[in-house]
Amino acid sequence: MQIEREKIIAAIGGAKSVEAMDDEARAEAVEVYLMKELDEGPAAKAPTVADLENEIETRTFRRGVGSLFAVGGLSPFGERLPGEPETVRRLPSLPAKPTLLDYFELRFAPARHALQSADRALTQNMDEEVVLACLLHDLGQTLIKTDHGWWGAQLLRPYVSERVAFAIQYHQALRFFPDPSVGYEYPEQYNFIFGRDYAPPPYIRAAYEHCRKHKWYMSARLITINDLYSFDPDCVVDLNKFTDIIGWHFKQPPEGLGFDDSPSAHMWRAISTPDTPL
């Protein structure tokens, strides 16, 4: 259980009340607080699917919007993050022939989640394609969060191996299904994002069952293992750690991403110029 000192102090009457207690009284008050938290439990506090449905018309944008297109789009809860501005920011121009590194620095940044996931895979000596898949697995969310595994695979397939594209596509479905053999459990945070009574739709289960039997199952599963559901804002990973892996395993088009006439070039252009109205 994560213990937040300020919440405990507030729950037992505030700082003045705590100062007036002796050590034994403080210990007892903390114990009562923790027992109450355990009894209620995080899952019990999470919304239901119906609760989330009822919130739809209270929002200024849909929860599945791509992170580039709305303030609050970075948050899976559809809320402004602390420190985010109230309006979208002006984006810097990309070079004439943009590379993946340019997109990371000028469109995906700070990309802490992706960088931390890839760094975790790297420090655990996973193979380079898995590290690359961890680095790229959520890039589809820049355009749209809904079915981001499929969007991400489509965005990246012309430039990575089929194994990497497969892993990115199917990690979305695998997230919802535990695998005790590798220590993967259903993320507690998903009770809050999807609702505590959420059941994945049939196409997600079908994708999971297909992937589970595939030779590249573990490649996709390793993304979920290295996915971080509690993001650490104080952990800064240098993108340059992955420059060689990108160079060896990402097929950078000489014309620049978005200008190479690939099946997904238009998706890169949308990321490049998201303010284009039509």
Protein backbone atom coordinates (compact mmCIF):
# COMPACT_ATOMS: atom_id res chain seq x y z
CA MET A 1 0.00 0.00 0.00
CA GLN A 2 1.25 3.47 -0.89
CA ILE A 3 1.21 5.67 2.21
CA GLU A 4 0.76 9.40 1.65
CA ARG A 5 1.73 11.34 4.77
CA GLU A 6 -0.43 14.38 3.98
CA LYS A 7 -3.56 12.25 3.53
CA ILE A 8 -2.99 10.46 6.83
CA ILE A 9 -2.48 13.75 8.70
CA ALA A 10 -5.65 15.20 7.15
CA ALA A 11 -7.64 12.03 7.93
CA ILE A 12 -6.74 12.08 11.63
CA GLY A 13 -7.60 15.72 12.20
CA GLY A 14 -4.82 17.82 10.72
CA ALA A 15 -1.35 18.88 11.83
CA LYS A 16 -2.48 20.47 15.10
CA SER A 17 -4.29 17.32 16.19
CA VAL A 18 -1.25 15.22 15.38
CA GLU A 19 1.03 17.52 17.39
CA ALA A 20 -1.25 17.14 20.41
CA MET A 21 -1.02 13.33 20.34
CA ASP A 22 1.64 11.29 22.08
CA ASP A 23 3.53 8.63 20.12
CA GLU A 24 1.17 5.82 21.10
CA ALA A 25 -1.92 7.81 20.04
CA ARG A 26 -0.31 8.67 16.71
CA ALA A 27 0.58 5.04 16.06
CA GLU A 28 -2.97 3.94 16.89
CA ALA A 29 -4.48 6.64 14.65
CA VAL A 30 -2.26 5.60 11.74
CA GLU A 31 -3.19 1.94 12.28
CA VAL A 32 -6.90 2.75 12.23
CA TYR A 33 -6.43 4.78 9.04
CA LEU A 34 -4.53 1.97 7.31
CA MET A 35 -7.08 -0.66 8.35
CA LYS A 36 -9.84 1.50 6.92
CA GLU A 37 -7.92 1.89 3.66
CA LEU A 38 -7.43 -1.86 3.42
CA ASP A 39 -11.09 -2.58 4.14
CA GLU A 40 -12.26 -0.18 1.46
CA GLY A 41 -9.50 -1.20 -0.97
CA PRO A 42 -8.40 0.58 -4.15
CA ALA A 43 -10.69 -1.50 -6.38
CA ALA A 44 -13.72 -0.57 -4.28
CA LYS A 45 -12.98 3.12 -4.86
CA ALA A 46 -12.58 2.73 -8.60
CA PRO A 47 -15.51 3.80 -10.80
CA THR A 48 -17.74 1.32 -12.57
CA VAL A 49 -18.11 1.19 -16.34
CA ALA A 50 -21.50 2.91 -15.93
CA ASP A 51 -19.90 5.67 -13.85
CA LEU A 52 -17.43 6.39 -16.64
CA GLU A 53 -20.18 6.33 -19.26
CA ASN A 54 -22.11 8.90 -17.24
CA GLU A 55 -19.07 11.22 -17.27
CA ILE A 56 -18.88 11.42 -21.08
CA GLU A 57 -21.01 14.57 -21.41
CA THR A 58 -19.09 16.31 -18.63
CA ARG A 59 -15.81 16.29 -20.61
CA THR A 60 -14.51 18.82 -23.11
CA PHE A 61 -13.00 16.10 -25.30
CA ARG A 62 -13.27 12.35 -25.66
CA ARG A 63 -10.94 10.16 -23.64
CA GLY A 64 -9.65 8.44 -26.77
CA VAL A 65 -8.28 11.62 -28.36
CA GLY A 66 -4.64 11.56 -29.45
CA SER A 67 -2.20 13.23 -27.06
CA LEU A 68 -1.19 15.89 -29.61
CA PHE A 69 -4.72 17.13 -30.14
CA ALA A 70 -5.99 18.35 -26.77
CA VAL A 71 -4.82 19.61 -23.42
CA GLY A 72 -5.32 16.63 -21.13
CA GLY A 73 -4.74 14.21 -23.97
CA LEU A 74 -1.63 12.87 -22.24
CA SER A 75 -3.72 11.59 -19.34
CA PRO A 76 -5.63 8.29 -19.65
CA PHE A 77 -8.23 9.85 -17.34
CA GLY A 78 -8.94 12.71 -19.76
CA GLU A 79 -7.79 15.37 -17.29
CA ARG A 80 -5.18 18.12 -17.37
CA LEU A 81 -1.98 16.98 -15.75
CA PRO A 82 -0.37 19.20 -13.08
CA GLY A 83 1.61 21.92 -14.82
CA GLU A 84 -0.12 21.49 -18.19
CA PRO A 85 -1.24 24.75 -19.82
CA GLU A 86 -4.91 25.51 -20.37
CA THR A 87 -4.47 25.65 -24.14
CA VAL A 88 -2.45 23.63 -26.63
CA ARG A 89 1.05 24.88 -27.30
CA ARG A 90 2.53 26.01 -30.59
CA LEU A 91 4.61 23.17 -32.02
CA PRO A 92 8.12 23.71 -33.41
CA SER A 93 8.63 22.90 -37.06
CA LEU A 94 10.22 19.61 -38.00
CA PRO A 95 13.22 19.48 -40.34
CA ALA A 96 12.58 19.10 -44.08
CA LYS A 97 13.49 15.39 -43.87
CA PRO A 98 12.47 14.42 -40.36
CA THR A 99 13.86 11.34 -38.66
CA LEU A 100 12.41 9.24 -35.87
CA LEU A 101 14.69 11.07 -33.44
CA ASP A 102 13.28 14.41 -34.66
CA TYR A 103 9.75 13.18 -33.98
CA PHE A 104 10.74 12.01 -30.51
CA GLU A 105 12.30 15.36 -29.65
CA LEU A 106 9.71 17.65 -31.28
CA ARG A 107 6.41 15.69 -31.14
CA PHE A 108 6.61 12.83 -28.66
CA ALA A 109 8.65 14.54 -25.91
CA PRO A 110 8.95 14.16 -23.00
CA ALA A 111 7.95 10.52 -23.76
CA ARG A 112 8.99 9.48 -20.24
CA HIS A 113 6.79 6.40 -20.29
CA ALA A 114 8.24 5.06 -23.55
CA LEU A 115 11.81 5.87 -22.53
CA GLN A 116 11.44 4.30 -19.09
CA SER A 117 9.88 1.16 -20.61
CA ALA A 118 12.71 0.79 -23.13
CA ASP A 119 15.33 1.50 -20.49
CA ARG A 120 13.87 -1.21 -18.28
CA ALA A 121 14.09 -3.70 -21.15
CA LEU A 122 17.64 -2.60 -21.90
CA THR A 123 18.85 -2.97 -18.32
CA GLN A 124 17.34 -6.46 -18.21
CA ASN A 125 19.43 -7.42 -21.27
CA MET A 126 16.46 -8.10 -23.50
CA ASP A 127 17.22 -8.33 -27.20
CA GLU A 128 17.38 -5.16 -29.26
CA GLU A 129 14.11 -5.69 -31.13
CA VAL A 130 12.25 -5.98 -27.82
CA VAL A 131 13.94 -2.80 -26.57
CA LEU A 132 12.87 -1.02 -29.77
CA ALA A 133 9.31 -2.35 -29.45
CA CYS A 134 9.16 -1.03 -25.87
CA LEU A 135 10.43 2.36 -27.05
CA LEU A 136 7.83 2.59 -29.84
CA HIS A 137 4.86 0.69 -28.42
CA ASP A 138 2.67 3.68 -27.48
CA LEU A 139 3.45 6.05 -30.35
CA GLY A 140 0.00 5.36 -31.83
CA GLN A 141 -1.48 7.24 -28.88
CA THR A 142 -0.10 10.45 -30.35
CA LEU A 143 -2.81 10.15 -33.01
CA ILE A 144 -5.50 8.28 -31.09
CA LYS A 145 -5.67 6.28 -27.88
CA THR A 146 -8.47 3.96 -28.97
CA ASP A 147 -6.94 0.72 -30.33
CA HIS A 148 -3.51 2.33 -30.10
CA GLY A 149 -1.81 -1.04 -30.56
CA TRP A 150 -3.26 -1.40 -34.04
CA TRP A 151 -2.68 2.27 -34.88
CA GLY A 152 0.90 2.06 -33.65
CA ALA A 153 1.63 -1.10 -35.64
CA GLN A 154 0.19 0.49 -38.80
CA LEU A 155 2.22 3.65 -38.22
CA LEU A 156 5.47 1.73 -37.77
CA ARG A 157 5.15 -1.43 -39.89
CA PRO A 158 6.94 -0.02 -42.99
CA TYR A 159 10.00 0.82 -40.88
CA VAL A 160 10.47 -2.07 -38.43
CA SER A 161 10.62 -5.84 -38.58
CA GLU A 162 7.36 -7.77 -38.68
CA ARG A 163 8.17 -9.12 -35.21
CA VAL A 164 8.37 -5.60 -33.75
CA ALA A 165 5.13 -4.56 -35.49
CA PHE A 166 3.40 -7.72 -34.23
CA ALA A 167 4.53 -7.09 -30.66
CA ILE A 168 3.30 -3.49 -30.76
CA GLN A 169 -0.08 -4.47 -32.21
CA TYR A 170 -0.82 -7.27 -29.76
CA HIS A 171 0.53 -5.74 -26.57
CA GLN A 172 -2.75 -3.82 -26.36
CA ALA A 173 -4.79 -7.00 -25.97
CA LEU A 174 -2.28 -8.77 -23.71
CA ARG A 175 -2.43 -5.95 -21.13
CA PHE A 176 -5.83 -7.18 -19.95
CA PHE A 177 -4.82 -10.80 -19.39
CA PRO A 178 -2.45 -11.90 -16.61
CA ASP A 179 0.37 -14.36 -17.23
CA PRO A 180 1.58 -15.77 -13.89
CA SER A 181 4.44 -17.60 -15.63
CA VAL A 182 6.22 -14.27 -16.16
CA GLY A 183 4.78 -12.41 -13.17
CA TYR A 184 2.40 -10.19 -15.12
CA GLU A 185 -0.77 -9.16 -13.29
CA TYR A 186 -3.75 -7.05 -14.32
CA PRO A 187 -2.75 -3.43 -13.56
CA GLU A 188 -4.63 -1.96 -10.60
CA GLN A 189 -4.70 1.38 -12.45
CA TYR A 190 -6.95 -0.17 -15.10
CA ASN A 191 -9.77 -0.37 -12.54
CA PHE A 192 -9.74 3.42 -12.57
CA ILE A 193 -9.22 3.86 -16.32
CA PHE A 194 -11.72 1.29 -17.59
CA GLY A 195 -13.92 0.65 -14.54
CA ARG A 196 -13.65 -2.01 -11.86
CA ASP A 197 -16.24 -4.22 -13.61
CA TYR A 198 -14.75 -3.81 -17.10
CA ALA A 199 -14.62 -6.86 -19.36
CA PRO A 200 -12.55 -6.62 -22.56
CA PRO A 201 -14.71 -6.81 -25.71
CA PRO A 202 -14.70 -9.99 -27.83
CA TYR A 203 -12.21 -8.67 -30.42
CA ILE A 204 -9.66 -7.99 -27.67
CA ARG A 205 -10.08 -11.51 -26.28
CA ALA A 206 -9.80 -12.95 -29.80
CA ALA A 207 -6.59 -10.99 -30.38
CA TYR A 208 -5.20 -12.25 -27.06
CA GLU A 209 -6.04 -15.88 -27.90
CA HIS A 210 -4.47 -15.54 -31.35
CA CYS A 211 -1.32 -13.97 -29.91
CA ARG A 212 -1.10 -16.53 -27.10
CA LYS A 213 -0.60 -19.28 -29.71
CA HIS A 214 1.80 -17.31 -31.90
CA LYS A 215 5.56 -17.80 -32.06
CA TRP A 216 6.04 -14.11 -31.18
CA TYR A 217 3.75 -14.18 -28.16
CA MET A 218 6.59 -13.51 -25.73
CA SER A 219 7.80 -10.52 -27.78
CA ALA A 220 4.42 -8.85 -27.24
CA ARG A 221 4.22 -10.02 -23.64
CA LEU A 222 7.61 -8.47 -22.86
CA ILE A 223 6.18 -5.06 -23.77
CA THR A 224 3.51 -5.48 -21.09
CA ILE A 225 6.13 -6.64 -18.59
CA ASN A 226 8.23 -3.54 -19.22
CA ASP A 227 5.22 -1.23 -19.44
CA LEU A 228 5.12 1.08 -16.44
CA TYR A 229 1.73 1.90 -14.98
CA SER A 230 3.09 4.23 -12.28
CA PHE A 231 5.08 6.77 -14.23
CA ASP A 232 8.07 8.25 -12.43
CA PRO A 233 8.34 11.97 -13.31
CA ASP A 234 11.74 12.13 -11.62
CA CYS A 235 13.26 9.37 -13.75
CA VAL A 236 14.75 10.96 -16.87
CA VAL A 237 16.09 8.60 -19.54
CA ASP A 238 18.29 10.00 -22.30
CA LEU A 239 16.97 9.17 -25.77
CA ASN A 240 20.57 8.93 -26.97
CA LYS A 241 20.86 5.59 -25.13
CA PHE A 242 18.81 4.10 -27.98
CA THR A 243 20.42 5.84 -30.96
CA ASP A 244 22.34 2.75 -32.08
CA ILE A 245 19.35 0.42 -31.67
CA ILE A 246 17.21 2.80 -33.71
CA GLY A 247 19.94 3.02 -36.35
CA TRP A 248 20.23 -0.76 -36.62
CA HIS A 249 16.56 -1.70 -36.48
CA PHE A 250 14.52 1.28 -37.77
CA LYS A 251 14.42 1.80 -41.55
CA GLN A 252 14.68 5.56 -41.76
CA PRO A 253 13.50 6.75 -45.22
CA PRO A 254 15.92 9.17 -46.91
CA GLU A 255 13.01 11.44 -47.90
CA GLY A 256 12.01 11.81 -44.25
CA LEU A 257 9.13 10.26 -42.31
CA GLY A 258 5.91 11.48 -43.88
CA PHE A 259 7.40 12.08 -47.33
CA ASP A 260 8.37 8.58 -48.46
CA ASP A 261 4.99 7.48 -49.90
CA SER A 262 4.77 4.54 -47.50
CA PRO A 263 1.31 3.18 -46.48
CA SER A 264 1.58 5.17 -43.24
CA ALA A 265 3.28 8.36 -44.49
CA HIS A 266 0.02 10.28 -44.06
CA MET A 267 -0.05 9.30 -40.38
CA TRP A 268 3.39 10.80 -39.84
CA ARG A 269 2.28 13.97 -41.64
CA ALA A 270 -0.71 14.21 -39.28
CA ILE A 271 1.70 14.05 -36.33
CA SER A 272 3.95 16.58 -38.02
CA THR A 273 1.20 19.16 -38.67
CA PRO A 274 -1.75 18.44 -36.33
CA ASP A 275 -3.08 22.00 -36.72
CA THR A 276 -4.03 21.42 -40.36
CA PRO A 277 -7.84 21.86 -40.40
CA LEU A 278 -8.66 19.63 -43.39
